[in-house]
Protein backbone atom coordinates (compact mmCIF):
# COMPACT_ATOMS: atom_id res chain seq x y z
CA MET A 1 8.96 24.96 2.63
CA ALA A 2 10.56 27.98 4.33
CA PRO A 3 10.76 31.21 2.35
CA VAL A 4 14.12 32.44 1.10
CA THR A 5 15.28 35.17 3.47
CA SER A 6 18.66 36.18 2.09
CA GLN A 7 20.62 36.33 -1.15
CA ALA A 8 23.00 33.64 0.23
CA GLN A 9 20.08 31.21 0.56
CA ALA A 10 18.83 32.04 -2.92
CA ASP A 11 22.26 31.32 -4.43
CA GLN A 12 22.52 27.82 -2.94
CA PRO A 13 22.10 25.00 -5.45
CA ILE A 14 18.94 22.95 -5.37
CA ASP A 15 19.50 19.39 -4.19
CA ARG A 16 17.50 17.65 -6.91
CA ALA A 17 18.43 14.17 -5.65
CA ALA A 18 17.00 14.94 -2.20
CA ILE A 19 13.81 16.32 -3.73
CA ALA A 20 13.44 13.23 -5.94
CA GLN A 21 14.03 10.92 -2.97
CA TRP A 22 11.40 12.78 -0.92
CA ALA A 23 8.89 12.55 -3.80
CA ARG A 24 9.50 8.81 -4.24
CA ALA A 25 9.01 8.23 -0.50
CA LYS A 26 5.77 10.22 -0.53
CA LEU A 27 4.51 8.24 -3.54
CA ALA A 28 5.41 4.93 -1.87
CA ARG A 29 3.35 5.88 1.20
CA ARG A 30 0.36 6.78 -0.98
CA SER A 31 0.42 3.77 -3.34
CA LEU A 32 1.14 0.10 -2.63
CA ALA A 33 2.00 -0.39 -6.32
CA ALA A 34 4.67 2.33 -6.14
CA PHE A 35 5.98 0.82 -2.90
CA VAL A 36 6.28 -2.62 -4.51
CA GLN A 37 8.05 -1.25 -7.58
CA GLN A 38 10.50 0.73 -5.44
CA ALA A 39 11.21 -2.27 -3.20
CA VAL A 40 12.06 -4.42 -6.23
CA GLU A 41 14.23 -1.67 -7.77
CA ALA A 42 16.10 -1.28 -4.48
CA GLY A 43 16.78 -5.04 -4.31
CA GLN A 44 14.78 -5.50 -1.10
CA VAL A 45 12.78 -8.49 -2.38
CA PRO A 46 14.82 -11.70 -2.06
CA GLY A 47 15.09 -13.70 -5.25
CA VAL A 48 13.68 -10.98 -7.52
CA LYS A 49 16.19 -9.23 -9.75
CA ARG A 50 13.81 -7.75 -12.31
CA LEU A 51 10.07 -7.38 -12.48
CA GLU A 52 8.04 -6.80 -15.61
CA TRP A 53 5.16 -4.69 -14.34
CA GLY A 54 1.75 -5.37 -15.82
CA PRO A 55 -1.95 -4.72 -15.25
CA HIS A 56 -2.29 -7.91 -13.19
CA LEU A 57 0.16 -6.51 -10.61
CA ASP A 58 -1.64 -3.15 -10.63
CA ALA A 59 -4.92 -4.97 -9.89
CA ILE A 60 -3.45 -7.03 -7.04
CA CYS A 61 -1.85 -3.94 -5.50
CA LEU A 62 -5.01 -1.85 -5.86
CA HIS A 63 -7.30 -4.46 -4.31
CA THR A 64 -4.86 -5.19 -1.49
CA GLN A 65 -4.44 -1.46 -0.84
CA LEU A 66 -8.23 -0.97 -0.77
CA GLN A 67 -8.60 -3.80 1.75
CA LEU A 68 -5.92 -2.39 4.01
CA GLU A 69 -7.21 1.17 3.71
CA ASP A 70 -10.74 -0.10 4.47
CA TRP A 71 -9.41 -1.39 7.77
CA LEU A 72 -7.51 1.83 8.51
CA VAL A 73 -10.53 4.02 7.78
CA ALA A 74 -12.95 1.79 9.73
CA TYR A 75 -10.65 1.92 12.77
CA GLU A 76 -10.01 5.67 12.48
CA PHE A 77 -6.39 5.49 11.27
CA GLY A 78 -7.26 6.65 7.75
CA THR A 79 -6.12 9.85 6.09
CA ALA A 80 -8.33 12.19 4.08
CA ASP A 81 -7.01 10.61 0.85
CA MET A 82 -7.93 7.13 2.08
CA ILE A 83 -11.42 8.23 3.08
CA GLN A 84 -11.92 9.79 -0.36
CA ARG A 85 -10.80 6.57 -2.11
CA GLN A 86 -13.17 4.53 0.06
CA ARG A 87 -16.05 6.91 -0.66
CA GLU A 88 -15.39 6.63 -4.40
CA ALA A 89 -15.22 2.82 -4.22
CA TRP A 90 -18.56 2.64 -2.37
CA GLU A 91 -20.19 5.03 -4.84
CA ARG A 92 -18.77 3.14 -7.85
CA THR A 93 -20.26 -0.14 -6.65
CA GLY A 94 -23.55 1.35 -5.50
CA ALA A 95 -23.12 -0.48 -2.20
CA ALA A 96 -25.16 0.51 0.84
CA TRP A 97 -25.26 -0.79 4.37
CA GLU A 98 -28.41 -2.05 6.03
CA ASP A 99 -28.30 0.39 8.94
CA GLY A 100 -29.04 3.26 6.53
CA LEU A 101 -26.68 5.64 8.31
CA PRO A 102 -24.65 8.02 6.12
CA GLU A 103 -21.00 7.40 5.22
CA PRO A 104 -20.82 3.60 5.61
CA TRP A 105 -17.21 3.70 4.33
CA LEU A 106 -16.21 5.08 7.72
CA ARG A 107 -17.54 1.98 9.53
CA TYR A 108 -17.62 -1.03 7.24
CA VAL A 109 -15.20 -2.84 4.97
CA LEU A 110 -16.32 -2.99 1.32
CA VAL A 111 -13.62 -5.20 -0.18
CA GLN A 112 -13.50 -8.34 1.95
CA ASN A 113 -12.67 -11.19 -0.38
CA GLU A 114 -10.26 -11.31 -3.28
CA VAL A 115 -9.60 -14.12 -5.70
CA ASP A 116 -6.43 -13.92 -7.78
CA ASN A 117 -6.61 -16.45 -10.59
CA LEU A 118 -3.05 -16.12 -11.77
CA PRO A 119 -0.46 -18.81 -12.42
CA PRO A 120 2.37 -19.50 -9.98
CA GLY A 121 5.33 -17.17 -10.14
CA THR A 122 3.35 -14.00 -10.83
CA PHE A 123 4.44 -12.28 -7.59
CA LYS A 124 0.99 -12.32 -5.96
CA SER A 125 2.05 -14.02 -2.70
CA THR A 126 5.05 -11.74 -2.29
CA ILE A 127 2.87 -8.65 -2.69
CA VAL A 128 0.13 -9.77 -0.32
CA MET A 129 2.14 -11.67 2.29
CA VAL A 130 5.42 -9.71 2.40
CA LEU A 131 5.27 -6.24 0.87
CA ALA A 132 1.76 -5.33 2.04
CA ASN A 133 2.92 -5.98 5.63
CA ALA A 134 5.76 -3.51 5.28
CA TRP A 135 3.59 -0.93 3.49
CA ILE A 136 0.82 -0.93 6.10
CA TRP A 137 3.38 -0.45 8.87
CA LEU A 138 4.43 2.82 7.21
CA LEU A 139 0.90 4.11 7.72
CA ALA A 140 -0.09 2.38 10.98
CA PRO A 141 2.89 1.10 12.97
CA GLY A 142 0.52 -0.53 15.47
CA PHE A 143 -1.15 -2.73 12.85
CA ILE A 144 -1.12 -6.38 13.93
CA TRP A 145 -1.87 -9.20 11.54
CA ALA A 146 -3.90 -12.18 12.73
CA ARG A 147 -1.39 -14.97 12.69
CA ARG A 148 -1.82 -18.69 12.30
CA GLN A 149 0.87 -21.32 12.36
CA ALA A 150 1.28 -22.74 8.88
CA SER A 151 3.85 -25.00 7.33
CA THR A 152 3.06 -24.70 3.64
CA PRO A 153 5.95 -23.72 1.35
CA THR A 154 4.32 -20.36 0.58
CA SER A 155 3.92 -19.38 4.23
CA ARG A 156 7.46 -20.50 5.08
CA SER A 157 8.93 -18.48 2.21
CA ALA A 158 6.97 -15.34 3.21
CA ARG A 159 7.86 -15.34 6.91
CA THR A 160 11.51 -14.37 6.75
CA PRO A 161 11.50 -11.45 4.23
CA THR A 162 8.78 -9.64 6.19
CA ARG A 163 10.91 -9.63 9.33
């Protein structure tokens, strides 16, 4: 932020709405969970008027974010915050890679498989198939998903909102 250079600048009112909007945008870039909550609040998720946030949604968002950040860090798109989160995740699990080289979190993906045993209608497909796409494009606009033609109801319902 630029320093105040005159009394006229110092007397100008603070635009609290602009500061709040900037802070929310910064938080949404840092956290998939915050991005999902803001997207629902803004009415950007078709068919969802209200969402009761719970620990199951936090867990889905965290694991999905870790998987995506793993990819970003391994392919040198990661930020310092992402690298720190990956380092902490590797240390928490005690994982090591066979090559014995230091800092495996910079080369290998730790979280590869995720199983979400939740009943239908708990927002898991929308988070993973729709909102995670939009979130990763904020951080890496060149990110390309591996695509496969599918005709299941879930894949059909997820295609359009992502576009």
